[in-house]
Amino acid sequence: MNTFKTLTIGLGVAGLLGGLCSQAVAHDEEALRQAPPASPYVKVSDALPLPEFIPGLGTLFVDPDTLPAGPFLAYDREGQLSATVYMTPLAALEEGAAFNDMAVGLHPVESVDIYYNAGHPGVDEPHAHVVLFHDSEAKARLTP
């Protein structure tokens, strides 16, 4: 899983929010609704020294080819897809990086949170988390 250790690509929040919800990459939403999602997704906690359930984000799965931006599929403790998460390195944003038409776990999006993260295994540099919650109870299901 060297891909997890060499996370150097960023994404632009403006391009992300402008194109995500309206022009999401087509995929089988039904296949993603319940964990675990099929290949190429892998459980992040199996590849990195992270807990299986991360408070506020849930159990994360990602296609290694989309790192570091994601999408990361965030499942609650019952295995229901609750959010789609993107990790946006700040240095890449400052350099003007933009990624368009990124996949969304489920197309309905109830709310979006964007917040700073100083770094963690997998995305060691400072970055922003962009979290798309797919229903009104999703955020509550992802908290401890």
C-alpha atoms as a PDB file:
ATOM      1  CA  MET A   1       0.000   0.000   0.000  1.00  0.00           C
ATOM      2  CA  ASN A   2       2.731   2.504  -0.871  1.00  0.00           C
ATOM      3  CA  THR A   3       0.041   4.704  -2.369  1.00  0.00           C
ATOM      4  CA  PHE A   4      -1.083   5.565   1.172  1.00  0.00           C
ATOM      5  CA  LYS A   5       2.427   6.755   2.055  1.00  0.00           C
ATOM      6  CA  THR A   6       2.947   9.029  -0.915  1.00  0.00           C
ATOM      7  CA  LEU A   7      -0.001  11.354  -0.766  1.00  0.00           C
ATOM      8  CA  THR A   8       1.004  14.424  -2.714  1.00  0.00           C
ATOM      9  CA  ILE A   9      -1.975  15.323  -4.894  1.00  0.00           C
ATOM     10  CA  GLY A  10      -4.464  17.945  -3.712  1.00  0.00           C
ATOM     11  CA  LEU A  11      -7.857  19.120  -4.824  1.00  0.00           C
ATOM     12  CA  GLY A  12      -9.459  22.525  -5.129  1.00  0.00           C
ATOM     13  CA  VAL A  13     -12.420  23.196  -2.858  1.00  0.00           C
ATOM     14  CA  ALA A  14     -13.969  25.604  -5.356  1.00  0.00           C
ATOM     15  CA  GLY A  15     -13.856  23.046  -8.166  1.00  0.00           C
ATOM     16  CA  LEU A  16     -14.983  20.338  -5.800  1.00  0.00           C
ATOM     17  CA  LEU A  17     -18.062  22.123  -4.504  1.00  0.00           C
ATOM     18  CA  GLY A  18     -18.898  23.568  -7.891  1.00  0.00           C
ATOM     19  CA  GLY A  19     -18.905  20.251  -9.701  1.00  0.00           C
ATOM     20  CA  LEU A  20     -19.421  17.558  -7.090  1.00  0.00           C
ATOM     21  CA  CYS A  21     -23.121  17.501  -6.473  1.00  0.00           C
ATOM     22  CA  SER A  22     -24.258  18.368  -9.964  1.00  0.00           C
ATOM     23  CA  GLN A  23     -21.832  16.358 -12.074  1.00  0.00           C
ATOM     24  CA  ALA A  24     -20.779  13.430  -9.908  1.00  0.00           C
ATOM     25  CA  VAL A  25     -19.090  10.496 -11.567  1.00  0.00           C
ATOM     26  CA  ALA A  26     -21.647   7.813 -12.316  1.00  0.00           C
ATOM     27  CA  HIS A  27     -21.490   4.623 -10.259  1.00  0.00           C
ATOM     28  CA  ASP A  28     -23.836   2.143  -8.669  1.00  0.00           C
ATOM     29  CA  GLU A  29     -25.052   3.982  -5.560  1.00  0.00           C
ATOM     30  CA  GLU A  30     -26.873   0.897  -4.291  1.00  0.00           C
ATOM     31  CA  ALA A  31     -23.620  -1.067  -4.191  1.00  0.00           C
ATOM     32  CA  LEU A  32     -22.080   1.594  -1.933  1.00  0.00           C
ATOM     33  CA  ARG A  33     -24.945   1.978   0.567  1.00  0.00           C
ATOM     34  CA  GLN A  34     -23.752  -0.785   2.900  1.00  0.00           C
ATOM     35  CA  ALA A  35     -20.198  -1.588   4.050  1.00  0.00           C
ATOM     36  CA  PRO A  36     -17.983  -2.971   2.824  1.00  0.00           C
ATOM     37  CA  PRO A  37     -17.957  -1.501  -0.675  1.00  0.00           C
ATOM     38  CA  ALA A  38     -16.557  -3.697  -3.453  1.00  0.00           C
ATOM     39  CA  SER A  39     -13.072  -3.437  -4.942  1.00  0.00           C
ATOM     40  CA  PRO A  40     -11.236  -1.148  -5.580  1.00  0.00           C
ATOM     41  CA  TYR A  41     -12.207   0.257  -2.156  1.00  0.00           C
ATOM     42  CA  VAL A  42     -10.074  -0.783   0.834  1.00  0.00           C
ATOM     43  CA  LYS A  43     -10.665  -0.168   4.530  1.00  0.00           C
ATOM     44  CA  VAL A  44      -8.386   2.678   5.581  1.00  0.00           C
ATOM     45  CA  SER A  45      -7.773   1.185   9.046  1.00  0.00           C
ATOM     46  CA  ASP A  46      -6.408  -1.995   7.405  1.00  0.00           C
ATOM     47  CA  ALA A  47      -3.797   0.038   5.515  1.00  0.00           C
ATOM     48  CA  LEU A  48      -2.871   2.766   8.012  1.00  0.00           C
ATOM     49  CA  PRO A  49      -2.354   3.000  11.780  1.00  0.00           C
ATOM     50  CA  LEU A  50      -5.813   4.499  12.329  1.00  0.00           C
ATOM     51  CA  PRO A  51      -8.746   3.223  14.394  1.00  0.00           C
ATOM     52  CA  GLU A  52     -11.456   1.293  12.570  1.00  0.00           C
ATOM     53  CA  PHE A  53     -14.058   3.890  13.600  1.00  0.00           C
ATOM     54  CA  ILE A  54     -12.922   7.527  13.648  1.00  0.00           C
ATOM     55  CA  PRO A  55     -15.239   9.776  15.677  1.00  0.00           C
ATOM     56  CA  GLY A  56     -16.872  12.283  13.341  1.00  0.00           C
ATOM     57  CA  LEU A  57     -15.897  10.322  10.210  1.00  0.00           C
ATOM     58  CA  GLY A  58     -16.858   6.713  10.903  1.00  0.00           C
ATOM     59  CA  THR A  59     -15.312   3.692   9.220  1.00  0.00           C
ATOM     60  CA  LEU A  60     -13.521   4.871   6.081  1.00  0.00           C
ATOM     61  CA  PHE A  61     -12.971   3.103   2.759  1.00  0.00           C
ATOM     62  CA  VAL A  62     -11.054   4.544  -0.215  1.00  0.00           C
ATOM     63  CA  ASP A  63      -9.912   3.601  -3.694  1.00  0.00           C
ATOM     64  CA  PRO A  64      -6.092   3.941  -3.357  1.00  0.00           C
ATOM     65  CA  ASP A  65      -5.871   5.393  -6.877  1.00  0.00           C
ATOM     66  CA  THR A  66      -7.836   8.476  -5.761  1.00  0.00           C
ATOM     67  CA  LEU A  67      -5.548   9.471  -2.875  1.00  0.00           C
ATOM     68  CA  PRO A  68      -5.193  11.778  -1.125  1.00  0.00           C
ATOM     69  CA  ALA A  69      -8.343  13.557  -2.291  1.00  0.00           C
ATOM     70  CA  GLY A  70     -10.644  10.571  -2.184  1.00  0.00           C
ATOM     71  CA  PRO A  71     -13.538  10.175  -2.046  1.00  0.00           C
ATOM     72  CA  PHE A  72     -13.402   8.373   1.268  1.00  0.00           C
ATOM     73  CA  LEU A  73     -16.664   6.553   1.932  1.00  0.00           C
ATOM     74  CA  ALA A  74     -17.658   7.038   5.583  1.00  0.00           C
ATOM     75  CA  TYR A  75     -19.862   4.347   7.142  1.00  0.00           C
ATOM     76  CA  ASP A  76     -21.604   4.462  10.530  1.00  0.00           C
ATOM     77  CA  ARG A  77     -21.363   1.655  13.113  1.00  0.00           C
ATOM     78  CA  GLU A  78     -24.219  -0.223  11.394  1.00  0.00           C
ATOM     79  CA  GLY A  79     -22.395  -0.146   8.049  1.00  0.00           C
ATOM     80  CA  GLN A  80     -24.662   2.477   6.433  1.00  0.00           C
ATOM     81  CA  LEU A  81     -22.974   4.984   4.116  1.00  0.00           C
ATOM     82  CA  SER A  82     -23.373   8.297   5.913  1.00  0.00           C
ATOM     83  CA  ALA A  83     -20.877  10.671   4.309  1.00  0.00           C
ATOM     84  CA  THR A  84     -18.396  11.164   1.510  1.00  0.00           C
ATOM     85  CA  VAL A  85     -15.118  12.754   2.638  1.00  0.00           C
ATOM     86  CA  TYR A  86     -12.392  14.545   0.683  1.00  0.00           C
ATOM     87  CA  MET A  87      -8.985  15.486   2.112  1.00  0.00           C
ATOM     88  CA  THR A  88      -7.565  18.633   0.564  1.00  0.00           C
ATOM     89  CA  PRO A  89      -3.849  19.399   1.177  1.00  0.00           C
ATOM     90  CA  LEU A  90      -3.527  23.123   1.827  1.00  0.00           C
ATOM     91  CA  ALA A  91      -0.251  23.401  -0.101  1.00  0.00           C
ATOM     92  CA  ALA A  92      -1.950  22.045  -3.224  1.00  0.00           C
ATOM     93  CA  LEU A  93      -4.776  24.552  -2.835  1.00  0.00           C
ATOM     94  CA  GLU A  94      -2.269  27.385  -2.526  1.00  0.00           C
ATOM     95  CA  GLU A  95      -0.675  26.193  -5.777  1.00  0.00           C
ATOM     96  CA  GLY A  96      -4.065  26.348  -7.507  1.00  0.00           C
ATOM     97  CA  ALA A  97      -4.812  22.618  -7.773  1.00  0.00           C
ATOM     98  CA  ALA A  98      -8.359  21.717  -8.809  1.00  0.00           C
ATOM     99  CA  PHE A  99     -10.092  18.393  -9.287  1.00  0.00           C
ATOM    100  CA  ASN A 100     -13.439  18.280 -11.026  1.00  0.00           C
ATOM    101  CA  ASP A 101     -16.233  15.727 -11.348  1.00  0.00           C
ATOM    102  CA  MET A 102     -15.131  13.688  -8.326  1.00  0.00           C
ATOM    103  CA  ALA A 103     -17.289  10.748  -7.289  1.00  0.00           C
ATOM    104  CA  VAL A 104     -19.834  11.044  -4.489  1.00  0.00           C
ATOM    105  CA  GLY A 105     -20.821   8.019  -2.399  1.00  0.00           C
ATOM    106  CA  LEU A 106     -24.520   8.919  -2.551  1.00  0.00           C
ATOM    107  CA  HIS A 107     -25.818  11.795  -4.620  1.00  0.00           C
ATOM    108  CA  PRO A 108     -28.234  13.251  -2.028  1.00  0.00           C
ATOM    109  CA  VAL A 109     -26.298  15.647   0.205  1.00  0.00           C
ATOM    110  CA  GLU A 110     -28.003  17.097   3.271  1.00  0.00           C
ATOM    111  CA  SER A 111     -25.125  19.270   4.515  1.00  0.00           C
ATOM    112  CA  VAL A 112     -21.412  19.958   4.049  1.00  0.00           C
ATOM    113  CA  ASP A 113     -18.714  20.564   6.683  1.00  0.00           C
ATOM    114  CA  ILE A 114     -15.255  21.914   5.812  1.00  0.00           C
ATOM    115  CA  TYR A 115     -12.586  22.064   8.503  1.00  0.00           C
ATOM    116  CA  TYR A 116      -8.830  22.177   9.080  1.00  0.00           C
ATOM    117  CA  ASN A 117      -6.761  19.104   9.995  1.00  0.00           C
ATOM    118  CA  ALA A 118      -3.068  19.400  10.955  1.00  0.00           C
ATOM    119  CA  GLY A 119      -2.279  15.973   9.469  1.00  0.00           C
ATOM    120  CA  HIS A 120      -2.633  12.295  10.321  1.00  0.00           C
ATOM    121  CA  PRO A 121      -1.353   8.954   8.992  1.00  0.00           C
ATOM    122  CA  GLY A 122      -2.069   8.819   5.284  1.00  0.00           C
ATOM    123  CA  VAL A 123      -2.314  12.584   4.800  1.00  0.00           C
ATOM    124  CA  ASP A 124       0.560  13.864   6.936  1.00  0.00           C
ATOM    125  CA  GLU A 125       0.516  17.461   5.765  1.00  0.00           C
ATOM    126  CA  PRO A 126      -2.016  20.114   6.839  1.00  0.00           C
ATOM    127  CA  HIS A 127      -5.238  19.752   4.903  1.00  0.00           C
ATOM    128  CA  ALA A 128      -8.944  20.489   4.895  1.00  0.00           C
ATOM    129  CA  HIS A 129     -11.609  17.842   5.341  1.00  0.00           C
ATOM    130  CA  VAL A 130     -14.641  18.345   3.123  1.00  0.00           C
ATOM    131  CA  VAL A 131     -17.446  16.143   4.447  1.00  0.00           C
ATOM    132  CA  LEU A 132     -20.703  15.644   2.533  1.00  0.00           C
ATOM    133  CA  PHE A 133     -23.394  14.228   4.834  1.00  0.00           C
ATOM    134  CA  HIS A 134     -25.989  12.194   2.954  1.00  0.00           C
ATOM    135  CA  ASP A 135     -28.967  12.561   5.309  1.00  0.00           C
ATOM    136  CA  SER A 136     -30.047  14.660   8.273  1.00  0.00           C
ATOM    137  CA  GLU A 137     -29.036  12.009  10.863  1.00  0.00           C
ATOM    138  CA  ALA A 138     -25.683  11.130   9.285  1.00  0.00           C
ATOM    139  CA  LYS A 139     -23.526  13.440  11.387  1.00  0.00           C
ATOM    140  CA  ALA A 140     -25.031  12.114  14.628  1.00  0.00           C
ATOM    141  CA  ARG A 141     -24.417   8.496  13.527  1.00  0.00           C
ATOM    142  CA  LEU A 142     -20.712   9.234  12.998  1.00  0.00           C
ATOM    143  CA  THR A 143     -20.109  10.649  16.466  1.00  0.00           C
ATOM    144  CA  PRO A 144     -19.174   8.467  19.433  1.00  0.00           C
END
